[in-house]
PDB file of all heavy atoms in Angstrom:
ATOM      1  N   ALA A   1     -11.831   8.730 -11.550  1.00  0.00           N
ATOM      2  CA  ALA A   1     -11.152   8.107 -12.666  1.00  0.00           C
ATOM      3  C   ALA A   1      -9.678   7.888 -12.346  1.00  0.00           C
ATOM      4  O   ALA A   1      -9.107   6.820 -12.628  1.00  0.00           O
ATOM      5  CB  ALA A   1     -11.303   8.957 -13.917  1.00  0.00           C
ATOM      6  N   LEU A   2      -9.045   8.906 -11.736  1.00  0.00           N
ATOM      7  CA  LEU A   2      -7.638   8.753 -11.336  1.00  0.00           C
ATOM      8  C   LEU A   2      -7.480   7.663 -10.286  1.00  0.00           C
ATOM      9  O   LEU A   2      -6.542   6.853 -10.345  1.00  0.00           O
ATOM     10  CB  LEU A   2      -7.083  10.080 -10.823  1.00  0.00           C
ATOM     11  CG  LEU A   2      -6.841  11.162 -11.876  1.00  0.00           C
ATOM     12  CD1 LEU A   2      -6.477  12.492 -11.173  1.00  0.00           C
ATOM     13  CD2 LEU A   2      -5.722  10.744 -12.808  1.00  0.00           C
ATOM     14  N   LEU A   3      -8.392   7.615  -9.328  1.00  0.00           N
ATOM     15  CA  LEU A   3      -8.334   6.600  -8.279  1.00  0.00           C
ATOM     16  C   LEU A   3      -8.545   5.209  -8.877  1.00  0.00           C
ATOM     17  O   LEU A   3      -7.812   4.267  -8.519  1.00  0.00           O
ATOM     18  CB  LEU A   3      -9.411   6.870  -7.229  1.00  0.00           C
ATOM     19  CG  LEU A   3      -9.479   5.914  -6.048  1.00  0.00           C
ATOM     20  CD1 LEU A   3      -8.146   5.913  -5.296  1.00  0.00           C
ATOM     21  CD2 LEU A   3     -10.629   6.260  -5.124  1.00  0.00           C
ATOM     22  N   ARG A   4      -9.492   5.057  -9.796  1.00  0.00           N
ATOM     23  CA  ARG A   4      -9.742   3.786 -10.450  1.00  0.00           C
ATOM     24  C   ARG A   4      -8.497   3.334 -11.230  1.00  0.00           C
ATOM     25  O   ARG A   4      -8.088   2.175 -11.154  1.00  0.00           O
ATOM     26  CB  ARG A   4     -10.940   3.882 -11.403  1.00  0.00           C
ATOM     27  CG  ARG A   4     -11.308   2.533 -11.987  1.00  0.00           C
ATOM     28  CD  ARG A   4     -12.527   2.567 -12.926  1.00  0.00           C
ATOM     29  NE  ARG A   4     -13.569   3.491 -12.528  1.00  0.00           N
ATOM     30  CZ  ARG A   4     -13.937   4.559 -13.242  1.00  0.00           C
ATOM     31  NH1 ARG A   4     -13.331   4.817 -14.382  1.00  0.00           N
ATOM     32  NH2 ARG A   4     -14.902   5.338 -12.839  1.00  0.00           N
ATOM     33  N   HIS A   5      -7.892   4.275 -11.954  1.00  0.00           N
ATOM     34  CA  HIS A   5      -6.685   3.970 -12.719  1.00  0.00           C
ATOM     35  C   HIS A   5      -5.554   3.528 -11.769  1.00  0.00           C
ATOM     36  O   HIS A   5      -4.835   2.548 -12.037  1.00  0.00           O
ATOM     37  CB  HIS A   5      -6.260   5.185 -13.550  1.00  0.00           C
ATOM     38  CG  HIS A   5      -4.989   4.982 -14.328  1.00  0.00           C
ATOM     39  ND1 HIS A   5      -4.933   4.130 -15.405  1.00  0.00           N
ATOM     40  CD2 HIS A   5      -3.749   5.471 -14.140  1.00  0.00           C
ATOM     41  CE1 HIS A   5      -3.693   4.128 -15.857  1.00  0.00           C
ATOM     42  NE2 HIS A   5      -2.965   4.936 -15.123  1.00  0.00           N
ATOM     43  N   HIS A   6      -5.390   4.250 -10.676  1.00  0.00           N
ATOM     44  CA  HIS A   6      -4.363   3.909  -9.694  1.00  0.00           C
ATOM     45  C   HIS A   6      -4.608   2.538  -9.088  1.00  0.00           C
ATOM     46  O   HIS A   6      -3.676   1.729  -8.943  1.00  0.00           O
ATOM     47  CB  HIS A   6      -4.337   4.989  -8.581  1.00  0.00           C
ATOM     48  CG  HIS A   6      -3.351   4.719  -7.514  1.00  0.00           C
ATOM     49  ND1 HIS A   6      -1.995   4.819  -7.695  1.00  0.00           N
ATOM     50  CD2 HIS A   6      -3.542   4.319  -6.217  1.00  0.00           C
ATOM     51  CE1 HIS A   6      -1.373   4.511  -6.562  1.00  0.00           C
ATOM     52  NE2 HIS A   6      -2.295   4.217  -5.655  1.00  0.00           N
ATOM     53  N   MET A   7      -5.871   2.242  -8.734  1.00  0.00           N
ATOM     54  CA  MET A   7      -6.194   0.954  -8.125  1.00  0.00           C
ATOM     55  C   MET A   7      -5.999  -0.203  -9.119  1.00  0.00           C
ATOM     56  O   MET A   7      -5.492  -1.266  -8.757  1.00  0.00           O
ATOM     57  CB  MET A   7      -7.656   0.964  -7.637  1.00  0.00           C
ATOM     58  CG  MET A   7      -7.897   1.932  -6.477  1.00  0.00           C
ATOM     59  SD  MET A   7      -6.868   1.561  -5.038  1.00  0.00           S
ATOM     60  CE  MET A   7      -7.631   0.080  -4.463  1.00  0.00           C
ATOM     61  N   GLU A   8      -6.345   0.014 -10.401  1.00  0.00           N
ATOM     62  CA  GLU A   8      -6.130  -1.015 -11.402  1.00  0.00           C
ATOM     63  C   GLU A   8      -4.660  -1.287 -11.605  1.00  0.00           C
ATOM     64  O   GLU A   8      -4.236  -2.438 -11.740  1.00  0.00           O
ATOM     65  CB  GLU A   8      -6.795  -0.607 -12.723  1.00  0.00           C
ATOM     66  CG  GLU A   8      -8.307  -0.684 -12.675  1.00  0.00           C
ATOM     67  CD  GLU A   8      -8.949  -0.096 -13.933  1.00  0.00           C
ATOM     68  OE1 GLU A   8      -8.244   0.482 -14.793  1.00  0.00           O
ATOM     69  OE2 GLU A   8     -10.208  -0.213 -14.045  1.00  0.00           O
ATOM     70  N   ALA A   9      -3.858  -0.223 -11.587  1.00  0.00           N
ATOM     71  CA  ALA A   9      -2.406  -0.397 -11.746  1.00  0.00           C
ATOM     72  C   ALA A   9      -1.849  -1.155 -10.529  1.00  0.00           C
ATOM     73  O   ALA A   9      -1.002  -2.049 -10.688  1.00  0.00           O
ATOM     74  CB  ALA A   9      -1.715   0.958 -11.884  1.00  0.00           C
ATOM     75  N   LYS A  10      -2.288  -0.808  -9.324  1.00  0.00           N
ATOM     76  CA  LYS A  10      -1.831  -1.506  -8.116  1.00  0.00           C
ATOM     77  C   LYS A  10      -2.259  -2.960  -8.146  1.00  0.00           C
ATOM     78  O   LYS A  10      -1.503  -3.848  -7.790  1.00  0.00           O
ATOM     79  CB  LYS A  10      -2.414  -0.835  -6.847  1.00  0.00           C
ATOM     80  CG  LYS A  10      -1.671   0.383  -6.415  1.00  0.00           C
ATOM     81  CD  LYS A  10      -0.300  -0.007  -5.926  1.00  0.00           C
ATOM     82  CE  LYS A  10       0.362   1.209  -5.310  1.00  0.00           C
ATOM     83  NZ  LYS A  10       1.722   0.900  -4.896  1.00  0.00           N
ATOM     84  N   PHE A  11      -3.510  -3.203  -8.579  1.00  0.00           N
ATOM     85  CA  PHE A  11      -3.984  -4.574  -8.655  1.00  0.00           C
ATOM     86  C   PHE A  11      -3.180  -5.392  -9.662  1.00  0.00           C
ATOM     87  O   PHE A  11      -2.815  -6.540  -9.390  1.00  0.00           O
ATOM     88  CB  PHE A  11      -5.479  -4.597  -9.061  1.00  0.00           C
ATOM     89  CG  PHE A  11      -6.040  -5.984  -9.171  1.00  0.00           C
ATOM     90  CD1 PHE A  11      -6.305  -6.736  -8.052  1.00  0.00           C
ATOM     91  CD2 PHE A  11      -6.283  -6.548 -10.419  1.00  0.00           C
ATOM     92  CE1 PHE A  11      -6.818  -7.997  -8.152  1.00  0.00           C
ATOM     93  CE2 PHE A  11      -6.802  -7.807 -10.531  1.00  0.00           C
ATOM     94  CZ  PHE A  11      -7.063  -8.552  -9.402  1.00  0.00           C
ATOM     95  N   ALA A  12      -2.873  -4.819 -10.804  1.00  0.00           N
ATOM     96  CA  ALA A  12      -2.059  -5.509 -11.802  1.00  0.00           C
ATOM     97  C   ALA A  12      -0.686  -5.814 -11.246  1.00  0.00           C
ATOM     98  O   ALA A  12      -0.111  -6.898 -11.456  1.00  0.00           O
ATOM     99  CB  ALA A  12      -1.975  -4.697 -13.088  1.00  0.00           C
ATOM    100  N   SER A  13      -0.104  -4.841 -10.535  1.00  0.00           N
ATOM    101  CA  SER A  13       1.210  -5.039  -9.932  1.00  0.00           C
ATOM    102  C   SER A  13       1.177  -6.145  -8.874  1.00  0.00           C
ATOM    103  O   SER A  13       2.065  -7.016  -8.831  1.00  0.00           O
ATOM    104  CB  SER A  13       1.685  -3.731  -9.304  1.00  0.00           C
ATOM    105  OG  SER A  13       2.874  -3.934  -8.574  1.00  0.00           O
ATOM    106  N   MET A  14       0.138  -6.120  -8.043  1.00  0.00           N
ATOM    107  CA  MET A  14      -0.003  -7.161  -7.005  1.00  0.00           C
ATOM    108  C   MET A  14      -0.209  -8.534  -7.636  1.00  0.00           C
ATOM    109  O   MET A  14       0.330  -9.540  -7.166  1.00  0.00           O
ATOM    110  CB  MET A  14      -1.165  -6.834  -6.064  1.00  0.00           C
ATOM    111  CG  MET A  14      -0.866  -5.690  -5.121  1.00  0.00           C
ATOM    112  SD  MET A  14      -2.289  -5.121  -4.141  1.00  0.00           S
ATOM    113  CE  MET A  14      -3.050  -6.614  -3.617  1.00  0.00           C
ATOM    114  N   GLN A  15      -1.004  -8.574  -8.708  1.00  0.00           N
ATOM    115  CA  GLN A  15      -1.269  -9.847  -9.367  1.00  0.00           C
ATOM    116  C   GLN A  15       0.018 -10.402  -9.991  1.00  0.00           C
ATOM    117  O   GLN A  15       0.314 -11.593  -9.887  1.00  0.00           O
ATOM    118  CB  GLN A  15      -2.336  -9.678 -10.423  1.00  0.00           C
ATOM    119  CG  GLN A  15      -2.792 -10.991 -11.042  1.00  0.00           C
ATOM    120  CD  GLN A  15      -3.985 -10.801 -11.950  1.00  0.00           C
ATOM    121  OE1 GLN A  15      -4.374  -9.679 -12.258  1.00  0.00           O
ATOM    122  NE2 GLN A  15      -4.574 -11.884 -12.374  1.00  0.00           N
ATOM    123  N   ALA A  16       0.818  -9.535 -10.617  1.00  0.00           N
ATOM    124  CA  ALA A  16       2.088  -9.981 -11.195  1.00  0.00           C
ATOM    125  C   ALA A  16       3.033 -10.482 -10.100  1.00  0.00           C
ATOM    126  O   ALA A  16       3.706 -11.505 -10.260  1.00  0.00           O
ATOM    127  CB  ALA A  16       2.727  -8.847 -11.974  1.00  0.00           C
ATOM    128  N   SER A  17       3.087  -9.756  -8.989  1.00  0.00           N
ATOM    129  CA  SER A  17       3.920 -10.182  -7.854  1.00  0.00           C
ATOM    130  C   SER A  17       3.485 -11.518  -7.290  1.00  0.00           C
ATOM    131  O   SER A  17       4.286 -12.392  -7.024  1.00  0.00           O
ATOM    132  CB  SER A  17       3.897  -9.095  -6.792  1.00  0.00           C
ATOM    133  OG  SER A  17       4.612  -9.521  -5.651  1.00  0.00           O
ATOM    134  N   THR A  18       2.169 -11.656  -7.141  1.00  0.00           N
ATOM    135  CA  THR A  18       1.630 -12.914  -6.620  1.00  0.00           C
ATOM    136  C   THR A  18       1.918 -14.065  -7.577  1.00  0.00           C
ATOM    137  O   THR A  18       2.290 -15.160  -7.151  1.00  0.00           O
ATOM    138  CB  THR A  18       0.122 -12.784  -6.388  1.00  0.00           C
ATOM    139  OG1 THR A  18      -0.107 -11.688  -5.502  1.00  0.00           O
ATOM    140  CG2 THR A  18      -0.469 -14.046  -5.799  1.00  0.00           C
ATOM    141  N   ASP A  19       1.752 -13.814  -8.874  1.00  0.00           N
ATOM    142  CA  ASP A  19       2.029 -14.858  -9.858  1.00  0.00           C
ATOM    143  C   ASP A  19       3.508 -15.265  -9.821  1.00  0.00           C
ATOM    144  O   ASP A  19       3.825 -16.446  -9.899  1.00  0.00           O
ATOM    145  CB  ASP A  19       1.673 -14.384 -11.265  1.00  0.00           C
ATOM    146  CG  ASP A  19       0.158 -14.265 -11.469  1.00  0.00           C
ATOM    147  OD1 ASP A  19      -0.603 -14.804 -10.636  1.00  0.00           O
ATOM    148  OD2 ASP A  19      -0.241 -13.626 -12.460  1.00  0.00           O
ATOM    149  N   ALA A  20       4.378 -14.301  -9.675  1.00  0.00           N
ATOM    150  CA  ALA A  20       5.820 -14.606  -9.607  1.00  0.00           C
ATOM    151  C   ALA A  20       6.146 -15.398  -8.338  1.00  0.00           C
ATOM    152  O   ALA A  20       6.912 -16.368  -8.380  1.00  0.00           O
ATOM    153  CB  ALA A  20       6.631 -13.320  -9.637  1.00  0.00           C
ATOM    154  N   GLN A  21       5.545 -14.987  -7.209  1.00  0.00           N
ATOM    155  CA  GLN A  21       5.775 -15.732  -5.947  1.00  0.00           C
ATOM    156  C   GLN A  21       5.223 -17.145  -6.058  1.00  0.00           C
ATOM    157  O   GLN A  21       5.858 -18.101  -5.601  1.00  0.00           O
ATOM    158  CB  GLN A  21       5.133 -15.002  -4.781  1.00  0.00           C
ATOM    159  CG  GLN A  21       5.847 -13.751  -4.372  1.00  0.00           C
ATOM    160  CD  GLN A  21       5.125 -13.025  -3.256  1.00  0.00           C
ATOM    161  OE1 GLN A  21       3.974 -13.315  -2.949  1.00  0.00           O
ATOM    162  NE2 GLN A  21       5.812 -12.093  -2.624  1.00  0.00           N
ATOM    163  N   PHE A  22       4.041 -17.294  -6.667  1.00  0.00           N
ATOM    164  CA  PHE A  22       3.459 -18.625  -6.816  1.00  0.00           C
ATOM    165  C   PHE A  22       4.328 -19.485  -7.695  1.00  0.00           C
ATOM    166  O   PHE A  22       4.540 -20.655  -7.400  1.00  0.00           O
ATOM    167  CB  PHE A  22       2.049 -18.494  -7.399  1.00  0.00           C
ATOM    168  CG  PHE A  22       1.373 -19.826  -7.584  1.00  0.00           C
ATOM    169  CD1 PHE A  22       0.848 -20.493  -6.495  1.00  0.00           C
ATOM    170  CD2 PHE A  22       1.266 -20.394  -8.826  1.00  0.00           C
ATOM    171  CE1 PHE A  22       0.227 -21.727  -6.665  1.00  0.00           C
ATOM    172  CE2 PHE A  22       0.667 -21.618  -9.008  1.00  0.00           C
ATOM    173  CZ  PHE A  22       0.129 -22.292  -7.932  1.00  0.00           C
ATOM    174  N   ALA A  23       4.839 -18.926  -8.781  1.00  0.00           N
ATOM    175  CA  ALA A  23       5.703 -19.700  -9.670  1.00  0.00           C
ATOM    176  C   ALA A  23       6.972 -20.141  -8.931  1.00  0.00           C
ATOM    177  O   ALA A  23       7.438 -21.253  -9.078  1.00  0.00           O
ATOM    178  CB  ALA A  23       6.059 -18.873 -10.897  1.00  0.00           C
ATOM    179  N   GLY A  24       7.540 -19.226  -8.122  1.00  0.00           N
ATOM    180  CA  GLY A  24       8.719 -19.564  -7.335  1.00  0.00           C
ATOM    181  C   GLY A  24       8.437 -20.662  -6.332  1.00  0.00           C
ATOM    182  O   GLY A  24       9.237 -21.598  -6.163  1.00  0.00           O
ATOM    183  N   MET A  25       7.284 -20.558  -5.645  1.00  0.00           N
ATOM    184  CA  MET A  25       6.930 -21.587  -4.676  1.00  0.00           C
ATOM    185  C   MET A  25       6.677 -22.914  -5.364  1.00  0.00           C
ATOM    186  O   MET A  25       7.055 -23.981  -4.860  1.00  0.00           O
ATOM    187  CB  MET A  25       5.702 -21.152  -3.887  1.00  0.00           C
ATOM    188  CG  MET A  25       6.001 -20.021  -2.907  1.00  0.00           C
ATOM    189  SD  MET A  25       4.602 -19.292  -1.982  1.00  0.00           S
ATOM    190  CE  MET A  25       3.282 -20.378  -2.135  1.00  0.00           C
ATOM    191  N   ARG A  26       6.033 -22.876  -6.512  1.00  0.00           N
ATOM    192  CA  ARG A  26       5.765 -24.098  -7.262  1.00  0.00           C
ATOM    193  C   ARG A  26       7.049 -24.763  -7.702  1.00  0.00           C
ATOM    194  O   ARG A  26       7.192 -25.983  -7.581  1.00  0.00           O
ATOM    195  CB  ARG A  26       4.897 -23.757  -8.493  1.00  0.00           C
ATOM    196  CG  ARG A  26       4.473 -24.948  -9.271  1.00  0.00           C
ATOM    197  CD  ARG A  26       3.491 -25.743  -8.489  1.00  0.00           C
ATOM    198  NE  ARG A  26       2.909 -26.771  -9.312  1.00  0.00           N
ATOM    199  CZ  ARG A  26       2.407 -27.863  -8.816  1.00  0.00           C
ATOM    200  NH1 ARG A  26       2.399 -28.047  -7.530  1.00  0.00           N
ATOM    201  NH2 ARG A  26       1.889 -28.758  -9.593  1.00  0.00           N
ATOM    202  N   GLN A  27       8.023 -23.987  -8.149  1.00  0.00           N
ATOM    203  CA  GLN A  27       9.308 -24.533  -8.526  1.00  0.00           C
ATOM    204  C   GLN A  27      10.026 -25.124  -7.331  1.00  0.00           C
ATOM    205  O   GLN A  27      10.636 -26.188  -7.417  1.00  0.00           O
ATOM    206  CB  GLN A  27      10.188 -23.446  -9.206  1.00  0.00           C
ATOM    207  CG  GLN A  27      11.492 -23.964  -9.755  1.00  0.00           C
ATOM    208  CD  GLN A  27      11.277 -24.996 -10.854  1.00  0.00           C
ATOM    209  OE1 GLN A  27      10.409 -24.820 -11.717  1.00  0.00           O
ATOM    210  NE2 GLN A  27      12.028 -26.062 -10.818  1.00  0.00           N
ATOM    211  N   TYR A  28       9.940 -24.436  -6.184  1.00  0.00           N
ATOM    212  CA  TYR A  28      10.559 -24.932  -4.939  1.00  0.00           C
ATOM    213  C   TYR A  28       9.956 -26.268  -4.532  1.00  0.00           C
ATOM    214  O   TYR A  28      10.678 -27.226  -4.188  1.00  0.00           O
ATOM    215  CB  TYR A  28      10.378 -23.901  -3.836  1.00  0.00           C
ATOM    216  CG  TYR A  28      10.911 -24.312  -2.488  1.00  0.00           C
ATOM    217  CD1 TYR A  28      12.269 -24.248  -2.228  1.00  0.00           C
ATOM    218  CD2 TYR A  28      10.054 -24.744  -1.494  1.00  0.00           C
ATOM    219  CE1 TYR A  28      12.774 -24.639  -1.004  1.00  0.00           C
ATOM    220  CE2 TYR A  28      10.544 -25.132  -0.249  1.00  0.00           C
ATOM    221  CZ  TYR A  28      11.905 -25.079  -0.021  1.00  0.00           C
ATOM    222  OH  TYR A  28      12.396 -25.464   1.205  1.00  0.00           O
ATOM    223  N   ILE A  29       8.637 -26.373  -4.632  1.00  0.00           N
ATOM    224  CA  ILE A  29       7.944 -27.623  -4.276  1.00  0.00           C
ATOM    225  C   ILE A  29       8.322 -28.729  -5.277  1.00  0.00           C
ATOM    226  O   ILE A  29       8.618 -29.864  -4.871  1.00  0.00           O
ATOM    227  CB  ILE A  29       6.414 -27.416  -4.234  1.00  0.00           C
ATOM    228  CG1 ILE A  29       6.076 -26.557  -3.016  1.00  0.00           C
ATOM    229  CG2 ILE A  29       5.678 -28.737  -4.177  1.00  0.00           C
ATOM    230  CD1 ILE A  29       4.634 -26.108  -2.979  1.00  0.00           C
ATOM    231  N   ASP A  30       8.335 -28.399  -6.559  1.00  0.00           N
ATOM    232  CA  ASP A  30       8.719 -29.394  -7.556  1.00  0.00           C
ATOM    233  C   ASP A  30      10.135 -29.897  -7.343  1.00  0.00           C
ATOM    234  O   ASP A  30      10.405 -31.088  -7.429  1.00  0.00           O
ATOM    235  CB  ASP A  30       8.580 -28.827  -8.965  1.00  0.00           C
ATOM    236  CG  ASP A  30       7.104 -28.653  -9.396  1.00  0.00           C
ATOM    237  OD1 ASP A  30       6.232 -29.219  -8.722  1.00  0.00           O
ATOM    238  OD2 ASP A  30       6.848 -27.933 -10.370  1.00  0.00           O
ATOM    239  N   ASP A  31      11.057 -28.959  -7.060  1.00  0.00           N
ATOM    240  CA  ASP A  31      12.453 -29.353  -6.788  1.00  0.00           C
ATOM    241  C   ASP A  31      12.527 -30.230  -5.559  1.00  0.00           C
ATOM    242  O   ASP A  31      13.266 -31.222  -5.526  1.00  0.00           O
ATOM    243  CB  ASP A  31      13.337 -28.121  -6.600  1.00  0.00           C
ATOM    244  CG  ASP A  31      13.523 -27.319  -7.887  1.00  0.00           C
ATOM    245  OD1 ASP A  31      13.194 -27.867  -8.972  1.00  0.00           O
ATOM    246  OD2 ASP A  31      13.984 -26.164  -7.817  1.00  0.00           O
TER     247      ASP A  31
END
């Protein structure tokens, strides 16, 4: 349960980071 919780938190963090990077790259391409 602790491992699952830790992995879900890491996944959420990675997803947020990826979304932010994608948004930055999208803005760079649009500019």
